[in-house]
C-alpha cells in the first residue's frame, strides 16, 4: 500500500485524536499515522499491543474507505444464523490453537473473511473461551466407574467409620522444573531455570478421608516387596487390629500374589478401581497439591534439595486440615472416554 497522507490529512487526524474519547478510534488513528511514518504492521502492533492483522485492517479501512469508526455489532453479521450454528458445531469437535486458523476455515468453508479480532469477538459472543481441554483416558468406562461408586457407598455404610479405608497410590516426582501458568507482568518474558537431570523419588502413599490421615513410604523401587512393606507399616499404624480397607488401581504389584496373601494375613481387604480411573482415587489430588506447592515453576539446584522439599511437604501437609478437607474428597464424578458412546 503506497498511499501517503497530505499535511492537511495528518493535521486533521492529530486533531481528531486529541478530541476523540473512544480508545478504539484513537488506536486506529495512531495506526494510520504510524504506517504513514514508515512503520511496519508488526512494529505498530507491538507498540499498540494489538495483532498484525488488526493493524492491517485499520490501515486498509482508512486508506480504502476513509473509515475510523468501528462498525456496530462487530463481525457477527458476516455469518448467517445457520452458518453460525455450523461453525459452532465444528468448533465443538475441533480444537484450534490459533484464531487465524479459524478465520482460514471460515474463508474456505463459507467464503467469509474475518479479521483475527473480529473472529475473537464472534467466539466470545458464542460462549467460547480460550482454555485447555481436560484430558480423559481413551479407555475410561463410565458404567464401570458408576458401579464402583455404588460399591464404595455400600462400603462406607457397612463400615460406619469402624474400619479405616485408605486410598493408596504411588508417585514418582522427577527432579525437573515443571513450567505452568502463573500471573506474570504483561509484556515481560519471565524466565525460570530448567534442570536437565531426570533423577526421581519413589513414594507410596495412602490417605484415609476420615480425618485425612496420611501415611507414606519412600522406597528405592515400587514393586511387590515395597508394597508389602507399606502394608506392614499401615497395619502398625492401627494396633487395635480392626479390619482395614485399601482402594487402589490395577498395577501389577498391587495384584502380586505375595501382596494379596500378606494383606489377608494382616486383615486388610483390597479393593480395586476400574481400569483407567484415576479420577476415583482422591490421593491423586494430593499429588496435584504437592506439585503446586513444591515443583511447579520452581528450580532446585541439586537432587538433594529437591528431595528435601518433597519429603518436607509430606511431613507437614497433614497439619493443614483445611486444605485437605476442601480439596481431597470422595465427591466422585464418573467420566466417559470421548471415543465411546455413553
C-alpha atoms as a PDB file:
ATOM      1  CA  UNK A   1       0.000   0.000   0.000  1.00  0.00           C
ATOM      2  CA  UNK A   2       1.655   3.255  -1.182  1.00  0.00           C
ATOM      3  CA  UNK A   3      -0.838   5.910  -0.029  1.00  0.00           C
ATOM      4  CA  UNK A   4       0.675   8.819   1.850  1.00  0.00           C
ATOM      5  CA  UNK A   5      -1.103  11.373   3.955  1.00  0.00           C
ATOM      6  CA  UNK A   6      -1.091  15.029   2.974  1.00  0.00           C
ATOM      7  CA  UNK A   7      -0.044  17.612   5.535  1.00  0.00           C
ATOM      8  CA  UNK A   8      -3.685  18.616   5.949  1.00  0.00           C
ATOM      9  CA  UNK A   9      -4.809  14.992   6.485  1.00  0.00           C
ATOM     10  CA  UNK A  10      -2.187  14.478   9.166  1.00  0.00           C
ATOM     11  CA  UNK A  11      -3.267  17.643  10.944  1.00  0.00           C
ATOM     12  CA  UNK A  12      -6.913  16.539  10.821  1.00  0.00           C
ATOM     13  CA  UNK A  13      -6.055  13.108  12.192  1.00  0.00           C
ATOM     14  CA  UNK A  14      -3.984  14.596  15.017  1.00  0.00           C
ATOM     15  CA  UNK A  15      -6.811  16.968  15.869  1.00  0.00           C
ATOM     16  CA  UNK A  16      -9.312  14.086  15.862  1.00  0.00           C
ATOM     17  CA  UNK A  17      -7.032  12.087  18.143  1.00  0.00           C
ATOM     18  CA  UNK A  18      -6.879  14.914  20.686  1.00  0.00           C
ATOM     19  CA  UNK A  19     -10.691  15.210  20.759  1.00  0.00           C
ATOM     20  CA  UNK A  20     -11.646  11.541  20.491  1.00  0.00           C
ATOM     21  CA  UNK A  21     -12.823   9.709  23.625  1.00  0.00           C
ATOM     22  CA  UNK A  22     -13.227   6.249  22.061  1.00  0.00           C
ATOM     23  CA  UNK A  23      -9.929   4.415  22.581  1.00  0.00           C
ATOM     24  CA  UNK A  24     -10.658   2.121  19.647  1.00  0.00           C
ATOM     25  CA  UNK A  25     -10.798   5.113  17.301  1.00  0.00           C
ATOM     26  CA  UNK A  26      -7.622   6.521  18.861  1.00  0.00           C
ATOM     27  CA  UNK A  27      -5.829   3.247  18.145  1.00  0.00           C
ATOM     28  CA  UNK A  28      -6.990   3.385  14.520  1.00  0.00           C
ATOM     29  CA  UNK A  29      -5.696   6.931  14.130  1.00  0.00           C
ATOM     30  CA  UNK A  30      -2.342   6.063  15.686  1.00  0.00           C
ATOM     31  CA  UNK A  31      -2.033   3.027  13.419  1.00  0.00           C
ATOM     32  CA  UNK A  32      -2.652   5.131  10.304  1.00  0.00           C
ATOM     33  CA  UNK A  33      -0.197   7.843  11.363  1.00  0.00           C
ATOM     34  CA  UNK A  34       2.500   5.310  12.279  1.00  0.00           C
ATOM     35  CA  UNK A  35       2.047   3.471   8.993  1.00  0.00           C
ATOM     36  CA  UNK A  36       2.405   6.780   7.121  1.00  0.00           C
ATOM     37  CA  UNK A  37       5.661   7.330   9.040  1.00  0.00           C
ATOM     38  CA  UNK A  38       7.047   4.093   7.625  1.00  0.00           C
ATOM     39  CA  UNK A  39       6.439   1.641  10.499  1.00  0.00           C
ATOM     40  CA  UNK A  40       5.528  -1.932   9.570  1.00  0.00           C
ATOM     41  CA  UNK A  41       2.327  -3.668  10.698  1.00  0.00           C
ATOM     42  CA  UNK A  42       4.345  -5.762  13.159  1.00  0.00           C
ATOM     43  CA  UNK A  43       6.076  -2.712  14.653  1.00  0.00           C
ATOM     44  CA  UNK A  44       2.806  -0.826  15.069  1.00  0.00           C
ATOM     45  CA  UNK A  45       1.134  -3.896  16.587  1.00  0.00           C
ATOM     46  CA  UNK A  46       3.918  -4.185  19.163  1.00  0.00           C
ATOM     47  CA  UNK A  47       3.596  -0.520  20.121  1.00  0.00           C
ATOM     48  CA  UNK A  48      -0.210  -0.575  20.423  1.00  0.00           C
ATOM     49  CA  UNK A  49      -0.353  -4.070  21.999  1.00  0.00           C
ATOM     50  CA  UNK A  50      -2.549  -5.348  19.167  1.00  0.00           C
ATOM     51  CA  UNK A  51      -2.026  -8.032  16.500  1.00  0.00           C
ATOM     52  CA  UNK A  52      -0.668  -7.589  12.977  1.00  0.00           C
ATOM     53  CA  UNK A  53      -3.988  -8.483  11.334  1.00  0.00           C
ATOM     54  CA  UNK A  54      -5.882  -5.832  13.305  1.00  0.00           C
ATOM     55  CA  UNK A  55      -3.337  -3.144  12.336  1.00  0.00           C
ATOM     56  CA  UNK A  56      -3.530  -4.159   8.664  1.00  0.00           C
ATOM     57  CA  UNK A  57      -7.327  -3.902   8.780  1.00  0.00           C
ATOM     58  CA  UNK A  58      -7.227  -0.467  10.479  1.00  0.00           C
ATOM     59  CA  UNK A  59      -4.850   0.892   7.845  1.00  0.00           C
ATOM     60  CA  UNK A  60      -6.793  -0.567   4.929  1.00  0.00           C
ATOM     61  CA  UNK A  61     -10.086   0.709   6.355  1.00  0.00           C
ATOM     62  CA  UNK A  62      -8.760   4.246   6.357  1.00  0.00           C
ATOM     63  CA  UNK A  63      -6.960   4.353   3.027  1.00  0.00           C
ATOM     64  CA  UNK A  64      -9.632   2.355   1.166  1.00  0.00           C
ATOM     65  CA  UNK A  65     -12.805   3.576   2.906  1.00  0.00           C
ATOM     66  CA  UNK A  66     -11.667   6.625   4.929  1.00  0.00           C
ATOM     67  CA  UNK A  67     -13.083   4.705   7.887  1.00  0.00           C
ATOM     68  CA  UNK A  68     -12.055   5.265  11.500  1.00  0.00           C
ATOM     69  CA  UNK A  69     -15.203   4.320  13.401  1.00  0.00           C
ATOM     70  CA  UNK A  70     -15.651   0.590  14.216  1.00  0.00           C
ATOM     71  CA  UNK A  71     -18.891  -0.857  12.928  1.00  0.00           C
ATOM     72  CA  UNK A  72     -21.619  -1.572  15.472  1.00  0.00           C
ATOM     73  CA  UNK A  73     -22.077  -5.268  16.046  1.00  0.00           C
ATOM     74  CA  UNK A  74     -18.538  -6.230  15.014  1.00  0.00           C
ATOM     75  CA  UNK A  75     -18.326  -9.221  12.692  1.00  0.00           C
ATOM     76  CA  UNK A  76     -21.418 -11.090  13.895  1.00  0.00           C
ATOM     77  CA  UNK A  77     -23.345 -10.128  10.751  1.00  0.00           C
ATOM     78  CA  UNK A  78     -20.835 -11.832   8.463  1.00  0.00           C
ATOM     79  CA  UNK A  79     -22.307 -15.278   9.060  1.00  0.00           C
ATOM     80  CA  UNK A  80     -25.952 -16.229   8.834  1.00  0.00           C
ATOM     81  CA  UNK A  81     -27.611 -17.909  11.814  1.00  0.00           C
ATOM     82  CA  UNK A  82     -27.445 -21.257  10.024  1.00  0.00           C
ATOM     83  CA  UNK A  83     -23.744 -20.896   9.224  1.00  0.00           C
ATOM     84  CA  UNK A  84     -23.031 -19.721  12.767  1.00  0.00           C
ATOM     85  CA  UNK A  85     -24.584 -22.930  14.089  1.00  0.00           C
ATOM     86  CA  UNK A  86     -22.491 -24.956  11.646  1.00  0.00           C
ATOM     87  CA  UNK A  87     -19.292 -23.205  12.706  1.00  0.00           C
ATOM     88  CA  UNK A  88     -20.074 -23.639  16.397  1.00  0.00           C
ATOM     89  CA  UNK A  89     -20.752 -27.357  15.853  1.00  0.00           C
ATOM     90  CA  UNK A  90     -17.433 -27.636  14.013  1.00  0.00           C
ATOM     91  CA  UNK A  91     -15.592 -25.965  16.896  1.00  0.00           C
ATOM     92  CA  UNK A  92     -17.174 -28.337  19.414  1.00  0.00           C
ATOM     93  CA  UNK A  93     -15.498 -31.224  17.601  1.00  0.00           C
ATOM     94  CA  UNK A  94     -12.231 -29.498  16.636  1.00  0.00           C
ATOM     95  CA  UNK A  95      -9.870 -27.544  18.888  1.00  0.00           C
ATOM     96  CA  UNK A  96      -7.836 -24.773  17.242  1.00  0.00           C
ATOM     97  CA  UNK A  97      -4.700 -23.282  18.736  1.00  0.00           C
ATOM     98  CA  UNK A  98      -4.864 -20.023  16.762  1.00  0.00           C
ATOM     99  CA  UNK A  99      -7.801 -17.780  15.849  1.00  0.00           C
ATOM    100  CA  UNK A 100      -6.198 -17.179  12.448  1.00  0.00           C
ATOM    101  CA  UNK A 101      -6.763 -20.856  11.627  1.00  0.00           C
ATOM    102  CA  UNK A 102     -10.469 -20.485  12.417  1.00  0.00           C
ATOM    103  CA  UNK A 103     -10.541 -17.464  10.110  1.00  0.00           C
ATOM    104  CA  UNK A 104      -8.986 -19.615   7.373  1.00  0.00           C
ATOM    105  CA  UNK A 105     -11.577 -22.349   7.945  1.00  0.00           C
ATOM    106  CA  UNK A 106     -14.432 -19.823   7.698  1.00  0.00           C
ATOM    107  CA  UNK A 107     -12.942 -18.390   4.482  1.00  0.00           C
ATOM    108  CA  UNK A 108     -12.625 -21.851   2.904  1.00  0.00           C
ATOM    109  CA  UNK A 109     -15.959 -23.205   4.153  1.00  0.00           C
ATOM    110  CA  UNK A 110     -18.257 -20.158   3.967  1.00  0.00           C
ATOM    111  CA  UNK A 111     -16.317 -17.719   1.760  1.00  0.00           C
ATOM    112  CA  UNK A 112     -16.467 -15.124   4.537  1.00  0.00           C
ATOM    113  CA  UNK A 113     -13.445 -13.067   5.520  1.00  0.00           C
ATOM    114  CA  UNK A 114     -12.880 -12.347   9.206  1.00  0.00           C
ATOM    115  CA  UNK A 115     -10.091 -10.474  10.925  1.00  0.00           C
ATOM    116  CA  UNK A 116      -8.497 -12.085  13.977  1.00  0.00           C
ATOM    117  CA  UNK A 117     -10.088  -9.509  16.267  1.00  0.00           C
ATOM    118  CA  UNK A 118     -13.486  -9.884  14.576  1.00  0.00           C
ATOM    119  CA  UNK A 119     -13.402 -13.671  14.889  1.00  0.00           C
ATOM    120  CA  UNK A 120     -12.269 -13.389  18.514  1.00  0.00           C
ATOM    121  CA  UNK A 121     -15.291 -11.230  19.233  1.00  0.00           C
ATOM    122  CA  UNK A 122     -17.567 -13.739  17.468  1.00  0.00           C
ATOM    123  CA  UNK A 123     -16.101 -16.611  19.513  1.00  0.00           C
ATOM    124  CA  UNK A 124     -16.750 -14.791  22.791  1.00  0.00           C
ATOM    125  CA  UNK A 125     -20.289 -13.928  21.697  1.00  0.00           C
ATOM    126  CA  UNK A 126     -20.962 -17.629  21.105  1.00  0.00           C
ATOM    127  CA  UNK A 127     -19.830 -18.621  24.593  1.00  0.00           C
ATOM    128  CA  UNK A 128     -16.384 -19.923  23.613  1.00  0.00           C
ATOM    129  CA  UNK A 129     -13.220 -19.084  25.536  1.00  0.00           C
ATOM    130  CA  UNK A 130      -9.530 -19.939  25.227  1.00  0.00           C
ATOM    131  CA  UNK A 131      -8.594 -22.703  27.669  1.00  0.00           C
ATOM    132  CA  UNK A 132      -7.018 -26.120  27.860  1.00  0.00           C
ATOM    133  CA  UNK A 133      -9.164 -29.200  27.170  1.00  0.00           C
ATOM    134  CA  UNK A 134      -9.485 -31.703  30.012  1.00  0.00           C
ATOM    135  CA  UNK A 135      -7.606 -34.924  29.368  1.00  0.00           C
ATOM    136  CA  UNK A 136      -9.597 -38.142  29.750  1.00  0.00           C
ATOM    137  CA  UNK A 137      -8.241 -41.660  29.363  1.00  0.00           C
ATOM    138  CA  UNK A 138      -9.158 -43.066  25.956  1.00  0.00           C
ATOM    139  CA  UNK A 139     -10.383 -46.234  27.720  1.00  0.00           C
ATOM    140  CA  UNK A 140     -12.365 -44.668  30.573  1.00  0.00           C
ATOM    141  CA  UNK A 141     -15.644 -46.551  31.093  1.00  0.00           C
ATOM    142  CA  UNK A 142     -18.383 -44.531  32.771  1.00  0.00           C
ATOM    143  CA  UNK A 143     -20.602 -47.518  33.561  1.00  0.00           C
ATOM    144  CA  UNK A 144     -17.808 -49.362  35.360  1.00  0.00           C
ATOM    145  CA  UNK A 145     -16.970 -46.228  37.320  1.00  0.00           C
ATOM    146  CA  UNK A 146     -20.590 -45.805  38.373  1.00  0.00           C
ATOM    147  CA  UNK A 147     -20.634 -49.431  39.589  1.00  0.00           C
ATOM    148  CA  UNK A 148     -17.538 -48.740  41.706  1.00  0.00           C
ATOM    149  CA  UNK A 149     -19.091 -45.584  43.149  1.00  0.00           C
ATOM    150  CA  UNK A 150     -22.122 -47.605  44.233  1.00  0.00           C
ATOM    151  CA  UNK A 151     -19.931 -50.290  45.840  1.00  0.00           C
ATOM    152  CA  UNK A 152     -17.937 -47.586  47.612  1.00  0.00           C
ATOM    153  CA  UNK A 153     -21.100 -46.051  49.075  1.00  0.00           C
ATOM    154  CA  UNK A 154     -22.115 -49.503  50.305  1.00  0.00           C
ATOM    155  CA  UNK A 155     -18.668 -49.961  51.875  1.00  0.00           C
ATOM    156  CA  UNK A 156     -18.990 -46.642  53.716  1.00  0.00           C
ATOM    157  CA  UNK A 157     -22.453 -47.605  55.019  1.00  0.00           C
ATOM    158  CA  UNK A 158     -21.262 -51.052  56.091  1.00  0.00           C
ATOM    159  CA  UNK A 159     -18.100 -49.995  57.925  1.00  0.00           C
ATOM    160  CA  UNK A 160     -19.602 -46.831  59.504  1.00  0.00           C
ATOM    161  CA  UNK A 161     -16.152 -45.458  60.332  1.00  0.00           C
ATOM    162  CA  UNK A 162     -15.140 -48.513  62.360  1.00  0.00           C
ATOM    163  CA  UNK A 163     -12.949 -49.985  59.619  1.00  0.00           C
ATOM    164  CA  UNK A 164     -10.482 -47.425  58.194  1.00  0.00           C
ATOM    165  CA  UNK A 165     -10.478 -47.034  54.403  1.00  0.00           C
ATOM    166  CA  UNK A 166      -7.284 -45.904  52.688  1.00  0.00           C
ATOM    167  CA  UNK A 167      -6.900 -44.740  49.116  1.00  0.00           C
ATOM    168  CA  UNK A 168      -3.403 -45.764  48.022  1.00  0.00           C
ATOM    169  CA  UNK A 169      -1.159 -44.996  45.055  1.00  0.00           C
ATOM    170  CA  UNK A 170       2.467 -44.363  44.130  1.00  0.00           C
ATOM    171  CA  UNK A 171       4.033 -41.136  42.873  1.00  0.00           C
ATOM    172  CA  UNK A 172       7.378 -40.541  41.181  1.00  0.00           C
ATOM    173  CA  UNK A 173       8.269 -36.823  41.203  1.00  0.00           C
ATOM    174  CA  UNK A 174      11.176 -36.024  38.858  1.00  0.00           C
ATOM    175  CA  UNK A 175      13.923 -33.564  39.652  1.00  0.00           C
ATOM    176  CA  UNK A 176      12.848 -31.326  36.823  1.00  0.00           C
ATOM    177  CA  UNK A 177      11.392 -27.819  36.677  1.00  0.00           C
ATOM    178  CA  UNK A 178       7.685 -28.026  35.805  1.00  0.00           C
ATOM    179  CA  UNK A 179       6.554 -24.931  33.913  1.00  0.00           C
ATOM    180  CA  UNK A 180       2.914 -23.997  34.471  1.00  0.00           C
ATOM    181  CA  UNK A 181       0.647 -20.992  34.090  1.00  0.00           C
ATOM    182  CA  UNK A 182       1.056 -18.102  36.518  1.00  0.00           C
ATOM    183  CA  UNK A 183       0.470 -14.354  36.814  1.00  0.00           C
ATOM    184  CA  UNK A 184       3.250 -12.502  35.004  1.00  0.00           C
ATOM    185  CA  UNK A 185       3.528  -8.815  34.114  1.00  0.00           C
ATOM    186  CA  UNK A 186       2.187  -8.054  30.649  1.00  0.00           C
ATOM    187  CA  UNK A 187       4.978  -7.634  28.114  1.00  0.00           C
ATOM    188  CA  UNK A 188       7.534  -9.326  30.391  1.00  0.00           C
ATOM    189  CA  UNK A 189       9.244 -12.551  29.363  1.00  0.00           C
ATOM    190  CA  UNK A 190       9.716 -14.333  32.661  1.00  0.00           C
ATOM    191  CA  UNK A 191      12.499 -16.901  32.609  1.00  0.00           C
ATOM    192  CA  UNK A 192      12.873 -19.804  35.044  1.00  0.00           C
ATOM    193  CA  UNK A 193      15.955 -22.004  35.245  1.00  0.00           C
ATOM    194  CA  UNK A 194      15.454 -25.562  33.989  1.00  0.00           C
ATOM    195  CA  UNK A 195      17.080 -28.766  35.210  1.00  0.00           C
ATOM    196  CA  UNK A 196      18.261 -31.294  32.673  1.00  0.00           C
ATOM    197  CA  UNK A 197      18.586 -34.256  35.016  1.00  0.00           C
ATOM    198  CA  UNK A 198      15.945 -36.918  35.343  1.00  0.00           C
ATOM    199  CA  UNK A 199      16.502 -38.365  38.843  1.00  0.00           C
ATOM    200  CA  UNK A 200      13.263 -39.133  40.641  1.00  0.00           C
ATOM    201  CA  UNK A 201      11.860 -40.073  44.013  1.00  0.00           C
ATOM    202  CA  UNK A 202       9.630 -43.081  44.513  1.00  0.00           C
ATOM    203  CA  UNK A 203       6.915 -42.840  47.149  1.00  0.00           C
ATOM    204  CA  UNK A 204       3.935 -44.954  48.158  1.00  0.00           C
ATOM    205  CA  UNK A 205       1.186 -43.030  49.878  1.00  0.00           C
ATOM    206  CA  UNK A 206      -2.209 -43.644  51.419  1.00  0.00           C
ATOM    207  CA  UNK A 207      -4.886 -41.321  52.750  1.00  0.00           C
ATOM    208  CA  UNK A 208      -7.871 -42.020  54.966  1.00  0.00           C
ATOM    209  CA  UNK A 209     -10.592 -39.438  54.276  1.00  0.00           C
ATOM    210  CA  UNK A 210     -11.981 -39.887  57.799  1.00  0.00           C
ATOM    211  CA  UNK A 211      -9.761 -37.301  59.458  1.00  0.00           C
ATOM    212  CA  UNK A 212      -7.468 -37.139  56.405  1.00  0.00           C
ATOM    213  CA  UNK A 213      -4.808 -39.310  57.976  1.00  0.00           C
ATOM    214  CA  UNK A 214      -1.780 -39.708  55.717  1.00  0.00           C
ATOM    215  CA  UNK A 215       0.875 -42.431  55.532  1.00  0.00           C
ATOM    216  CA  UNK A 216       3.770 -42.539  53.067  1.00  0.00           C
ATOM    217  CA  UNK A 217       6.926 -44.574  52.454  1.00  0.00           C
ATOM    218  CA  UNK A 218       9.922 -43.516  50.413  1.00  0.00           C
ATOM    219  CA  UNK A 219      11.292 -46.551  48.551  1.00  0.00           C
ATOM    220  CA  UNK A 220      14.072 -47.282  46.073  1.00  0.00           C
ATOM    221  CA  UNK A 221      11.654 -49.004  43.704  1.00  0.00           C
ATOM    222  CA  UNK A 222       7.913 -49.566  43.705  1.00  0.00           C
ATOM    223  CA  UNK A 223       7.443 -53.319  43.464  1.00  0.00           C
ATOM    224  CA  UNK A 224       5.839 -56.184  45.365  1.00  0.00           C
ATOM    225  CA  UNK A 225       8.405 -56.013  48.168  1.00  0.00           C
ATOM    226  CA  UNK A 226       7.938 -52.250  48.633  1.00  0.00           C
ATOM    227  CA  UNK A 227       4.150 -52.623  48.622  1.00  0.00           C
ATOM    228  CA  UNK A 228       4.447 -55.389  51.233  1.00  0.00           C
ATOM    229  CA  UNK A 229       6.496 -53.086  53.450  1.00  0.00           C
ATOM    230  CA  UNK A 230       3.848 -50.391  53.078  1.00  0.00           C
ATOM    231  CA  UNK A 231       1.112 -52.820  54.180  1.00  0.00           C
ATOM    232  CA  UNK A 232       3.129 -53.791  57.261  1.00  0.00           C
ATOM    233  CA  UNK A 233       3.617 -50.128  58.198  1.00  0.00           C
ATOM    234  CA  UNK A 234      -0.082 -49.422  57.659  1.00  0.00           C
ATOM    235  CA  UNK A 235      -1.017 -52.302  59.944  1.00  0.00           C
ATOM    236  CA  UNK A 236       1.319 -50.981  62.655  1.00  0.00           C
ATOM    237  CA  UNK A 237      -0.498 -47.670  62.390  1.00  0.00           C
ATOM    238  CA  UNK A 238      -3.653 -49.482  63.624  1.00  0.00           C
ATOM    239  CA  UNK A 239      -2.637 -51.738  66.521  1.00  0.00           C
ATOM    240  CA  UNK A 240      -6.294 -52.109  67.519  1.00  0.00           C
ATOM    241  CA  UNK A 241      -6.417 -54.956  64.952  1.00  0.00           C
ATOM    242  CA  UNK A 242      -9.533 -53.655  63.253  1.00  0.00           C
ATOM    243  CA  UNK A 243     -10.118 -54.622  59.663  1.00  0.00           C
ATOM    244  CA  UNK A 244      -8.552 -52.232  57.171  1.00  0.00           C
ATOM    245  CA  UNK A 245      -9.562 -51.476  53.593  1.00  0.00           C
ATOM    246  CA  UNK A 246      -7.318 -50.337  50.753  1.00  0.00           C
ATOM    247  CA  UNK A 247      -8.602 -48.956  47.465  1.00  0.00           C
ATOM    248  CA  UNK A 248      -6.066 -48.738  44.639  1.00  0.00           C
ATOM    249  CA  UNK A 249      -5.573 -49.276  40.919  1.00  0.00           C
ATOM    250  CA  UNK A 250      -4.761 -52.422  38.973  1.00  0.00           C
ATOM    251  CA  UNK A 251      -0.975 -52.049  38.797  1.00  0.00           C
ATOM    252  CA  UNK A 252       0.844 -55.366  38.591  1.00  0.00           C
ATOM    253  CA  UNK A 253       2.453 -55.028  42.021  1.00  0.00           C
ATOM    254  CA  UNK A 254      -0.987 -54.424  43.573  1.00  0.00           C
ATOM    255  CA  UNK A 255      -2.091 -57.824  42.263  1.00  0.00           C
ATOM    256  CA  UNK A 256       1.112 -59.629  43.212  1.00  0.00           C
ATOM    257  CA  UNK A 257       0.161 -62.935  44.865  1.00  0.00           C
ATOM    258  CA  UNK A 258       2.529 -62.260  47.758  1.00  0.00           C
ATOM    259  CA  UNK A 259       0.871 -58.886  48.353  1.00  0.00           C
ATOM    260  CA  UNK A 260      -2.604 -60.442  48.302  1.00  0.00           C
ATOM    261  CA  UNK A 261      -1.587 -63.166  50.773  1.00  0.00           C
ATOM    262  CA  UNK A 262       0.118 -60.676  53.078  1.00  0.00           C
ATOM    263  CA  UNK A 263      -2.974 -58.452  53.019  1.00  0.00           C
ATOM    264  CA  UNK A 264      -5.115 -61.410  54.130  1.00  0.00           C
ATOM    265  CA  UNK A 265      -2.727 -62.200  56.980  1.00  0.00           C
ATOM    266  CA  UNK A 266      -2.874 -58.556  58.098  1.00  0.00           C
ATOM    267  CA  UNK A 267      -6.679 -58.369  57.904  1.00  0.00           C
ATOM    268  CA  UNK A 268      -6.509 -55.849  55.073  1.00  0.00           C
ATOM    269  CA  UNK A 269      -9.234 -56.047  52.446  1.00  0.00           C
ATOM    270  CA  UNK A 270      -8.095 -54.996  48.964  1.00  0.00           C
ATOM    271  CA  UNK A 271     -10.472 -53.197  46.605  1.00  0.00           C
ATOM    272  CA  UNK A 272      -9.579 -52.400  43.003  1.00  0.00           C
ATOM    273  CA  UNK A 273     -10.615 -49.367  40.994  1.00  0.00           C
ATOM    274  CA  UNK A 274     -11.996 -49.794  37.475  1.00  0.00           C
ATOM    275  CA  UNK A 275      -9.223 -49.621  34.861  1.00  0.00           C
ATOM    276  CA  UNK A 276      -8.172 -46.126  33.729  1.00  0.00           C
ATOM    277  CA  UNK A 277      -9.972 -44.340  36.574  1.00  0.00           C
ATOM    278  CA  UNK A 278      -7.518 -42.058  38.429  1.00  0.00           C
ATOM    279  CA  UNK A 279     -10.446 -39.667  38.930  1.00  0.00           C
ATOM    280  CA  UNK A 280     -11.809 -42.121  41.517  1.00  0.00           C
ATOM    281  CA  UNK A 281      -8.669 -42.076  43.669  1.00  0.00           C
ATOM    282  CA  UNK A 282      -8.592 -38.953  45.918  1.00  0.00           C
ATOM    283  CA  UNK A 283      -4.877 -39.328  46.601  1.00  0.00           C
ATOM    284  CA  UNK A 284      -4.284 -38.170  43.022  1.00  0.00           C
ATOM    285  CA  UNK A 285      -5.407 -34.745  44.267  1.00  0.00           C
ATOM    286  CA  UNK A 286      -2.709 -34.872  46.939  1.00  0.00           C
ATOM    287  CA  UNK A 287      -0.106 -35.359  44.212  1.00  0.00           C
ATOM    288  CA  UNK A 288      -1.533 -32.292  42.456  1.00  0.00           C
ATOM    289  CA  UNK A 289      -1.193 -30.192  45.616  1.00  0.00           C
ATOM    290  CA  UNK A 290       2.373 -31.478  46.001  1.00  0.00           C
ATOM    291  CA  UNK A 291       3.295 -30.232  42.536  1.00  0.00           C
ATOM    292  CA  UNK A 292       1.574 -26.883  43.140  1.00  0.00           C
ATOM    293  CA  UNK A 293       3.460 -26.300  46.380  1.00  0.00           C
ATOM    294  CA  UNK A 294       6.828 -27.846  45.592  1.00  0.00           C
ATOM    295  CA  UNK A 295       7.657 -28.362  41.900  1.00  0.00           C
ATOM    296  CA  UNK A 296       5.633 -26.005  39.674  1.00  0.00           C
ATOM    297  CA  UNK A 297       7.780 -23.131  38.363  1.00  0.00           C
ATOM    298  CA  UNK A 298      10.476 -23.937  40.931  1.00  0.00           C
ATOM    299  CA  UNK A 299      14.130 -24.685  40.356  1.00  0.00           C
ATOM    300  CA  UNK A 300      16.242 -26.874  42.670  1.00  0.00           C
ATOM    301  CA  UNK A 301      19.973 -26.826  42.114  1.00  0.00           C
ATOM    302  CA  UNK A 302      20.562 -30.342  43.459  1.00  0.00           C
ATOM    303  CA  UNK A 303      18.573 -33.535  43.719  1.00  0.00           C
ATOM    304  CA  UNK A 304      19.149 -33.427  47.493  1.00  0.00           C
ATOM    305  CA  UNK A 305      17.423 -30.022  47.739  1.00  0.00           C
ATOM    306  CA  UNK A 306      14.578 -31.318  45.601  1.00  0.00           C
ATOM    307  CA  UNK A 307      14.207 -34.468  47.729  1.00  0.00           C
ATOM    308  CA  UNK A 308      14.158 -32.498  50.991  1.00  0.00           C
ATOM    309  CA  UNK A 309      11.428 -30.221  49.637  1.00  0.00           C
ATOM    310  CA  UNK A 310       9.258 -33.191  48.615  1.00  0.00           C
ATOM    311  CA  UNK A 311       9.693 -35.041  51.907  1.00  0.00           C
ATOM    312  CA  UNK A 312       9.058 -31.862  53.897  1.00  0.00           C
ATOM    313  CA  UNK A 313       5.773 -31.473  52.029  1.00  0.00           C
ATOM    314  CA  UNK A 314       4.604 -34.908  53.148  1.00  0.00           C
ATOM    315  CA  UNK A 315       5.790 -34.293  56.701  1.00  0.00           C
ATOM    316  CA  UNK A 316       3.881 -31.028  57.054  1.00  0.00           C
ATOM    317  CA  UNK A 317       0.813 -31.213  54.775  1.00  0.00           C
ATOM    318  CA  UNK A 318      -1.074 -33.230  57.399  1.00  0.00           C
ATOM    319  CA  UNK A 319      -1.191 -30.137  59.620  1.00  0.00           C
ATOM    320  CA  UNK A 320      -3.167 -28.230  57.016  1.00  0.00           C
ATOM    321  CA  UNK A 321      -6.505 -29.960  57.539  1.00  0.00           C
ATOM    322  CA  UNK A 322      -8.472 -27.184  55.862  1.00  0.00           C
ATOM    323  CA  UNK A 323      -6.702 -27.702  52.527  1.00  0.00           C
ATOM    324  CA  UNK A 324      -7.052 -31.469  52.790  1.00  0.00           C
ATOM    325  CA  UNK A 325     -10.760 -31.328  53.676  1.00  0.00           C
ATOM    326  CA  UNK A 326     -11.658 -28.918  50.893  1.00  0.00           C
ATOM    327  CA  UNK A 327      -9.531 -30.363  48.099  1.00  0.00           C
ATOM    328  CA  UNK A 328      -9.321 -34.090  48.822  1.00  0.00           C
ATOM    329  CA  UNK A 329     -12.812 -35.562  48.983  1.00  0.00           C
ATOM    330  CA  UNK A 330     -14.804 -38.525  47.735  1.00  0.00           C
ATOM    331  CA  UNK A 331     -17.186 -36.385  45.685  1.00  0.00           C
ATOM    332  CA  UNK A 332     -16.593 -38.520  42.635  1.00  0.00           C
ATOM    333  CA  UNK A 333     -17.747 -37.886  39.082  1.00  0.00           C
ATOM    334  CA  UNK A 334     -17.759 -40.697  36.569  1.00  0.00           C
ATOM    335  CA  UNK A 335     -16.123 -39.825  33.248  1.00  0.00           C
ATOM    336  CA  UNK A 336     -16.517 -41.326  29.812  1.00  0.00           C
ATOM    337  CA  UNK A 337     -13.922 -41.563  27.043  1.00  0.00           C
ATOM    338  CA  UNK A 338     -14.953 -39.362  24.085  1.00  0.00           C
ATOM    339  CA  UNK A 339     -14.091 -42.318  21.855  1.00  0.00           C
ATOM    340  CA  UNK A 340     -17.036 -44.340  23.169  1.00  0.00           C
ATOM    341  CA  UNK A 341     -20.724 -43.579  23.365  1.00  0.00           C
ATOM    342  CA  UNK A 342     -22.233 -43.420  26.893  1.00  0.00           C
END
